[in-house]
Amino acid sequence: MGRGELLDSAGRLVERGWATEEARRYRRSAIKAAPLRIKEWDYYCILTGDYGLALTIADNDYVAFLGATWLDFRARTFTSEDVLIPLPMGKLRLPESADSGDSACAHQGLSISYTHVPGGRRLRVSAPGFDKGRGLEADILLAQPPMDRMTIATPFAAPGAFYYNQKINCMRADGAATIGGERFAFSPETAFGVLDWGRGVWTYDNTWYWGSASGIADGRVFGFNIGYGFGDTSAASENMLFVDGKAHKLDQVTFHLPDGAPDSAPWRFSSNDKRFELSFEPILDRAAKFDLGLILSDQHQVFGRFSGEVVLDDGAKLAVKDLLGFAEKVHNRW
């Protein structure tokens, strides 16, 4: 995918495809779509050992969403505080670039901010009422040295509908969260964060699959992004490995889910090029369902550990064992 504007004068993708940097420039003002169709979000997930933190700021035109989730892998539980803001219609002013501009929003006692700092990003959250008044405070730095990322521009079948997405894996985390007076450290030796930066015009009814992990495999900094259901990916998939900051492109990856509940049995992942063959042992299902008939969100983000083998672009094999990450299935009518 080349450089330049993302959309043409008619609001259509100039080019579909993938890159390892922010190649195309997104401008909300260039979108030619009916009201309530624009979806924008910044989602971060930081995981280490026995716990993790997930943060969301999203502007979906008809509703904005702020979310903070604490993940306890030893107890196999999660605690969330979510806030909805009606009809933001772009008022959150989420950045038009993943590499510049800050995001911040506060509403009903929940405050989340993402700021760019030299060498990385700073995430802060304050939620005094979190978990029935125990409270959550966190301040975490994510290091971002020069490194490849997954960038994809994907059309939908509907005219003017598209998804422009960047996933930045393997950012080492340094900081802490405090819940109910107890401090939980994030050390850069073992803690890693991922950013899901999404902008686009979505169709009404869709189901997607997404998987991500970052950490250490065979003594190397390793991560991956896999997924499908985000529009027409015939031109390019979003499947990519990251090893020591360099991307290795995969073709098609298939999610093999268990027949029962999403966390009831191991998942399996395979690829048509035999370069991504992993199993996934679930720890907990961060399930959330919001159903108002015409508006539905049914989410199963399952956290667990990946094991198996991947093959890099040069044919080298990399063993993966108990790598902490997540895989999800999400159905939206929005």
Protein backbone atom coordinates (compact mmCIF):
# COMPACT_ATOMS: atom_id res chain seq x y z
CA MET A 1 0.00 0.00 0.00
CA GLY A 2 1.40 3.38 -1.01
CA ARG A 3 1.44 6.71 0.74
CA GLY A 4 -1.02 9.60 0.41
CA GLU A 5 -4.68 10.22 1.18
CA LEU A 6 -6.81 7.29 2.32
CA LEU A 7 -10.02 8.45 0.58
CA ASP A 8 -10.74 10.07 -2.77
CA SER A 9 -13.13 12.98 -3.40
CA ALA A 10 -16.09 10.58 -3.39
CA GLY A 11 -15.15 9.12 0.00
CA ARG A 12 -13.91 5.81 -1.42
CA LEU A 13 -10.64 4.06 -0.64
CA VAL A 14 -7.89 5.21 -2.96
CA GLU A 15 -6.22 1.84 -2.50
CA ARG A 16 -6.92 -1.34 -0.63
CA GLY A 17 -4.07 -3.32 0.87
CA TRP A 18 -1.62 -3.61 3.75
CA ALA A 19 1.53 -1.92 5.01
CA THR A 20 3.90 -2.04 7.97
CA GLU A 21 3.54 1.67 8.76
CA GLU A 22 0.86 4.35 8.71
CA ALA A 23 0.89 4.67 4.93
CA ARG A 24 -2.37 6.45 4.12
CA ARG A 25 -3.75 9.58 5.79
CA TYR A 26 -7.21 9.32 7.34
CA ARG A 27 -9.38 12.44 7.41
CA ARG A 28 -12.82 12.31 8.98
CA SER A 29 -13.86 15.30 6.85
CA ALA A 30 -13.24 13.26 3.68
CA ILE A 31 -15.88 10.67 4.56
CA LYS A 32 -19.06 10.72 2.47
CA ALA A 33 -21.44 8.62 4.52
CA ALA A 34 -24.84 8.83 6.15
CA PRO A 35 -24.89 10.01 9.76
CA LEU A 36 -24.29 7.40 12.48
CA ARG A 37 -22.14 5.14 10.25
CA ILE A 38 -18.67 6.37 11.27
CA LYS A 39 -16.84 4.23 13.87
CA GLU A 40 -13.61 5.36 15.53
CA TRP A 41 -11.75 3.80 18.46
CA ASP A 42 -8.46 3.48 20.32
CA TYR A 43 -8.18 0.26 22.31
CA TYR A 44 -5.16 -0.71 24.41
CA CYS A 45 -4.55 -4.01 26.17
CA ILE A 46 -1.57 -4.53 28.49
CA LEU A 47 -0.88 -8.03 29.81
CA THR A 48 1.66 -9.51 32.20
CA GLY A 49 1.80 -12.77 34.11
CA ASP A 50 -1.26 -12.95 36.34
CA TYR A 51 -3.16 -9.79 35.36
CA GLY A 52 -3.90 -7.20 32.70
CA LEU A 53 -5.62 -3.93 31.89
CA ALA A 54 -7.76 -3.04 28.86
CA LEU A 55 -8.81 0.52 28.00
CA THR A 56 -11.18 1.81 25.33
CA ILE A 57 -12.14 5.23 24.00
CA ALA A 58 -14.61 4.91 21.13
CA ASP A 59 -16.80 7.29 19.14
CA ASN A 60 -19.40 5.34 17.18
CA ASP A 61 -21.38 8.42 16.10
CA TYR A 62 -24.62 7.48 17.86
CA VAL A 63 -22.86 6.59 21.11
CA ALA A 64 -19.41 7.04 22.63
CA PHE A 65 -17.95 4.35 24.84
CA LEU A 66 -15.39 4.58 27.65
CA GLY A 67 -14.24 1.33 29.15
CA ALA A 68 -11.71 0.11 31.70
CA THR A 69 -11.33 -3.60 32.45
CA TRP A 70 -9.09 -5.28 35.01
CA LEU A 71 -8.21 -8.90 34.25
CA ASP A 72 -7.26 -11.32 37.04
CA PHE A 73 -5.93 -14.51 35.48
CA ARG A 74 -5.33 -16.32 38.75
CA ALA A 75 -8.93 -15.85 39.86
CA ARG A 76 -10.14 -16.17 36.23
CA THR A 77 -12.27 -13.07 36.63
CA PHE A 78 -12.59 -9.60 35.14
CA THR A 79 -14.06 -6.35 36.41
CA SER A 80 -15.22 -3.58 34.10
CA GLU A 81 -16.47 -0.04 34.34
CA ASP A 82 -18.19 1.18 31.19
CA VAL A 83 -19.68 4.57 30.41
CA LEU A 84 -21.88 5.52 27.44
CA ILE A 85 -22.24 9.04 26.02
CA PRO A 86 -25.13 9.56 23.57
CA LEU A 87 -24.65 11.08 20.10
CA PRO A 88 -21.02 12.18 20.20
CA MET A 89 -20.90 12.49 16.38
CA GLY A 90 -17.15 13.08 16.35
CA LYS A 91 -17.05 15.38 19.37
CA LEU A 92 -14.44 13.18 21.07
CA ARG A 93 -12.04 14.35 18.32
CA LEU A 94 -10.08 11.15 18.24
CA PRO A 95 -6.78 11.65 16.39
CA GLU A 96 -6.64 11.17 12.64
CA SER A 97 -3.26 9.51 13.01
CA ALA A 98 -2.01 6.69 15.23
CA ASP A 99 1.33 8.49 15.45
CA SER A 100 0.26 11.94 16.60
CA GLY A 101 -2.53 13.57 18.53
CA ASP A 102 -3.78 12.64 21.98
CA SER A 103 -7.03 11.04 23.13
CA ALA A 104 -8.79 11.94 26.37
CA CYS A 105 -12.30 11.68 27.71
CA ALA A 106 -13.94 11.86 31.13
CA HIS A 107 -17.57 11.14 31.97
CA GLN A 108 -19.50 9.92 35.01
CA GLY A 109 -16.41 9.40 37.15
CA LEU A 110 -14.34 7.54 34.55
CA SER A 111 -11.35 9.35 33.02
CA ILE A 112 -9.05 7.88 30.38
CA SER A 113 -6.23 9.56 28.48
CA TYR A 114 -3.65 8.49 25.92
CA THR A 115 -0.77 10.87 25.22
CA HIS A 116 2.31 10.67 23.02
CA VAL A 117 5.58 11.06 24.90
CA PRO A 118 9.19 10.79 23.68
CA GLY A 119 9.81 7.16 22.80
CA GLY A 120 6.28 5.95 23.29
CA ARG A 121 2.83 6.48 24.79
CA ARG A 122 1.44 7.21 28.22
CA LEU A 123 -1.87 5.69 29.34
CA ARG A 124 -3.70 6.99 32.39
CA VAL A 125 -7.01 6.02 33.91
CA SER A 126 -8.86 7.21 36.99
CA ALA A 127 -12.04 5.52 38.18
CA PRO A 128 -12.77 6.15 41.89
CA GLY A 129 -16.01 4.15 41.75
CA PHE A 130 -14.45 1.12 40.08
CA ASP A 131 -15.47 -2.27 41.48
CA LYS A 132 -18.10 -0.94 43.90
CA GLY A 133 -15.90 1.84 45.17
CA ARG A 134 -12.56 0.04 45.47
CA GLY A 135 -11.24 2.43 42.83
CA LEU A 136 -8.82 2.08 39.93
CA GLU A 137 -5.86 4.32 39.16
CA ALA A 138 -3.25 3.49 36.54
CA ASP A 139 -0.33 5.21 34.86
CA ILE A 140 1.57 3.14 32.29
CA LEU A 141 4.22 3.97 29.71
CA LEU A 142 4.36 1.92 26.51
CA ALA A 143 7.74 2.03 24.77
CA GLN A 144 7.58 2.33 21.00
CA PRO A 145 11.01 2.19 19.37
CA PRO A 146 11.14 2.00 15.55
CA MET A 147 9.13 -1.12 14.76
CA ASP A 148 6.78 -2.56 12.16
CA ARG A 149 3.04 -2.68 12.66
CA MET A 150 -0.01 -4.10 10.89
CA THR A 151 -1.85 -1.52 8.77
CA ILE A 152 -4.73 -2.44 6.48
CA ALA A 153 -7.23 -0.55 4.32
CA THR A 154 -10.27 -2.74 3.70
CA PRO A 155 -13.50 -2.01 1.77
CA PHE A 156 -16.94 -3.40 2.52
CA ALA A 157 -19.45 -4.34 -0.18
CA ALA A 158 -21.58 -1.28 0.59
CA PRO A 159 -20.54 1.88 -1.30
CA GLY A 160 -18.37 4.20 0.79
CA ALA A 161 -17.92 1.69 3.62
CA PHE A 162 -14.36 0.89 4.68
CA TYR A 163 -12.13 0.03 7.62
CA TYR A 164 -8.69 1.57 8.18
CA ASN A 165 -6.93 -0.27 10.98
CA GLN A 166 -3.54 -0.24 12.66
CA LYS A 167 -2.37 -2.75 15.22
CA ILE A 168 0.87 -2.02 17.09
CA ASN A 169 2.10 -5.05 19.03
CA CYS A 170 4.99 -5.72 21.39
CA MET A 171 5.17 -2.36 23.18
CA ARG A 172 6.96 -2.95 26.49
CA ALA A 173 4.96 -1.62 29.45
CA ASP A 174 6.31 0.16 32.51
CA GLY A 175 4.09 1.46 35.29
CA ALA A 176 1.46 0.33 37.73
CA ALA A 177 -2.22 0.08 38.51
CA THR A 178 -3.73 0.48 41.96
CA ILE A 179 -7.02 -1.18 42.87
CA GLY A 180 -8.46 -0.84 46.34
CA GLY A 181 -5.08 0.29 47.65
CA GLU A 182 -3.22 -2.71 46.22
CA ARG A 183 -0.49 -1.94 43.69
CA PHE A 184 0.07 -4.07 40.59
CA ALA A 185 3.31 -3.43 38.71
CA PHE A 186 3.89 -3.67 34.97
CA SER A 187 7.55 -4.38 34.31
CA PRO A 188 9.00 -3.96 30.79
CA GLU A 189 10.75 -7.32 31.10
CA THR A 190 7.46 -9.18 31.17
CA ALA A 191 4.63 -6.74 30.34
CA PHE A 192 3.58 -5.89 26.80
CA GLY A 193 0.85 -3.74 25.29
CA VAL A 194 -0.99 -3.66 21.98
CA LEU A 195 -2.89 -0.80 20.34
CA ASP A 196 -5.93 -1.39 18.15
CA TRP A 197 -6.47 1.89 16.24
CA GLY A 198 -9.60 1.72 14.12
CA ARG A 199 -11.29 4.27 11.85
CA GLY A 200 -13.97 3.68 9.25
CA VAL A 201 -17.49 3.53 7.91
CA TRP A 202 -19.07 0.23 8.88
CA THR A 203 -21.97 -1.75 7.55
CA TYR A 204 -24.85 -2.42 9.93
CA ASP A 205 -24.49 -6.16 10.66
CA ASN A 206 -21.13 -7.91 10.89
CA THR A 207 -19.19 -10.59 12.75
CA TRP A 208 -15.44 -10.49 13.18
CA TYR A 209 -12.68 -12.66 14.63
CA TRP A 210 -9.49 -11.17 16.09
CA GLY A 211 -6.50 -12.61 17.90
CA SER A 212 -3.41 -10.92 19.33
CA ALA A 213 -0.47 -11.67 21.58
CA SER A 214 2.83 -10.03 22.51
CA GLY A 215 5.69 -11.33 24.63
CA ILE A 216 8.80 -13.49 24.44
CA ALA A 217 9.15 -16.64 22.31
CA ASP A 218 12.40 -18.56 21.95
CA GLY A 219 14.18 -15.66 23.65
CA ARG A 220 12.98 -13.12 21.06
CA VAL A 221 10.38 -10.36 21.28
CA PHE A 222 7.45 -11.89 19.45
CA GLY A 223 3.85 -11.01 18.71
CA PHE A 224 1.15 -11.52 16.14
CA ASN A 225 -2.10 -10.14 14.79
CA ILE A 226 -4.67 -12.41 13.16
CA GLY A 227 -8.27 -11.87 12.13
CA TYR A 228 -11.01 -11.66 9.53
CA GLY A 229 -14.59 -10.44 9.14
CA PHE A 230 -13.50 -6.79 8.91
CA GLY A 231 -14.82 -6.27 5.37
CA ASP A 232 -13.55 -7.64 2.06
CA THR A 233 -10.03 -8.93 2.73
CA SER A 234 -9.55 -10.48 -0.71
CA ALA A 235 -6.84 -7.92 -1.54
CA ALA A 236 -4.95 -8.45 1.72
CA SER A 237 -5.37 -10.11 5.10
CA GLU A 238 -4.38 -8.56 8.41
CA ASN A 239 -2.44 -11.64 9.50
CA MET A 240 1.09 -10.79 10.54
CA LEU A 241 3.91 -11.96 12.82
CA PHE A 242 6.32 -9.61 14.57
CA VAL A 243 9.81 -10.72 15.60
CA ASP A 244 12.27 -8.25 17.14
CA GLY A 245 10.34 -5.38 15.59
CA LYS A 246 10.13 -6.80 12.05
CA ALA A 247 6.91 -7.94 10.36
CA HIS A 248 6.43 -11.29 8.64
CA LYS A 249 3.29 -11.40 6.48
CA LEU A 250 0.94 -14.36 6.59
CA ASP A 251 -1.85 -15.24 4.18
CA GLN A 252 -5.12 -16.66 5.54
CA VAL A 253 -5.60 -17.85 9.14
CA THR A 254 -8.63 -19.80 10.32
CA PHE A 255 -10.05 -19.79 13.86
CA HIS A 256 -11.29 -23.21 15.01
CA LEU A 257 -13.57 -22.53 18.00
CA PRO A 258 -14.83 -25.14 20.47
CA ASP A 259 -18.37 -26.43 20.09
CA GLY A 260 -19.39 -25.32 23.56
CA ALA A 261 -18.80 -22.10 25.44
CA PRO A 262 -15.87 -20.05 24.09
CA ASP A 263 -13.77 -20.81 27.18
CA SER A 264 -14.85 -24.44 27.54
CA ALA A 265 -12.08 -26.08 25.51
CA PRO A 266 -8.89 -25.21 23.66
CA TRP A 267 -9.13 -23.24 20.45
CA ARG A 268 -7.03 -24.08 17.41
CA PHE A 269 -5.60 -21.83 14.69
CA SER A 270 -4.31 -22.89 11.29
CA SER A 271 -3.19 -21.15 8.12
CA ASN A 272 -3.41 -22.07 4.47
CA ASP A 273 0.37 -21.62 4.11
CA LYS A 274 1.08 -23.82 7.19
CA ARG A 275 3.00 -20.96 8.82
CA PHE A 276 0.68 -20.40 11.80
CA GLU A 277 -0.26 -23.54 13.71
CA LEU A 278 -1.15 -22.75 17.31
CA SER A 279 -3.41 -24.01 20.06
CA PHE A 280 -4.95 -21.69 22.62
CA GLU A 281 -5.80 -22.62 26.21
CA PRO A 282 -8.53 -20.26 27.53
CA ILE A 283 -8.26 -18.67 30.97
CA LEU A 284 -11.30 -16.39 31.01
CA ASP A 285 -14.00 -15.11 28.69
CA ARG A 286 -14.53 -11.35 28.85
CA ALA A 287 -18.12 -11.67 27.66
CA ALA A 288 -20.38 -8.67 27.17
CA LYS A 289 -23.77 -8.43 25.53
CA PHE A 290 -25.83 -5.33 24.79
CA ASP A 291 -29.12 -5.99 22.99
CA LEU A 292 -31.69 -3.33 22.20
CA GLY A 293 -33.13 -5.08 19.18
CA LEU A 294 -31.92 -2.87 16.36
CA ILE A 295 -28.64 -2.31 18.21
CA LEU A 296 -26.69 -5.36 19.35
CA SER A 297 -23.17 -6.09 20.53
CA ASP A 298 -22.35 -9.66 21.52
CA GLN A 299 -18.68 -9.98 22.43
CA HIS A 300 -16.53 -12.86 23.59
CA GLN A 301 -12.94 -11.78 24.11
CA VAL A 302 -11.22 -14.85 25.50
CA PHE A 303 -7.85 -14.49 27.23
CA GLY A 304 -5.45 -17.39 27.46
CA ARG A 305 -2.11 -18.82 26.34
CA PHE A 306 -0.94 -19.76 22.85
CA SER A 307 1.42 -22.64 22.06
CA GLY A 308 2.71 -24.16 18.85
CA GLU A 309 4.92 -23.14 15.96
CA VAL A 310 5.12 -20.33 13.44
CA VAL A 311 7.25 -19.95 10.30
CA LEU A 312 8.95 -16.67 9.45
CA ASP A 313 9.37 -15.15 5.98
CA ASP A 314 12.80 -16.77 5.56
CA GLY A 315 11.48 -20.22 6.47
CA ALA A 316 12.88 -20.24 10.00
CA LYS A 317 10.65 -21.83 12.61
CA LEU A 318 9.86 -20.24 15.97
CA ALA A 319 8.48 -22.20 18.91
CA VAL A 320 5.70 -20.55 20.91
CA LYS A 321 4.90 -21.76 24.41
CA ASP A 322 2.27 -20.38 26.80
CA LEU A 323 2.26 -16.92 25.20
CA LEU A 324 -0.33 -14.72 26.92
CA GLY A 325 -2.86 -13.09 24.60
CA PHE A 326 -6.47 -13.21 23.49
CA ALA A 327 -8.81 -14.31 20.73
CA GLU A 328 -12.32 -13.04 20.17
CA LYS A 329 -15.56 -13.39 18.27
CA VAL A 330 -17.75 -10.29 18.10
CA HIS A 331 -21.17 -9.84 16.48
CA ASN A 332 -22.42 -6.28 16.07
CA ARG A 333 -25.56 -4.71 14.69
CA TRP A 334 -24.64 -1.04 14.90
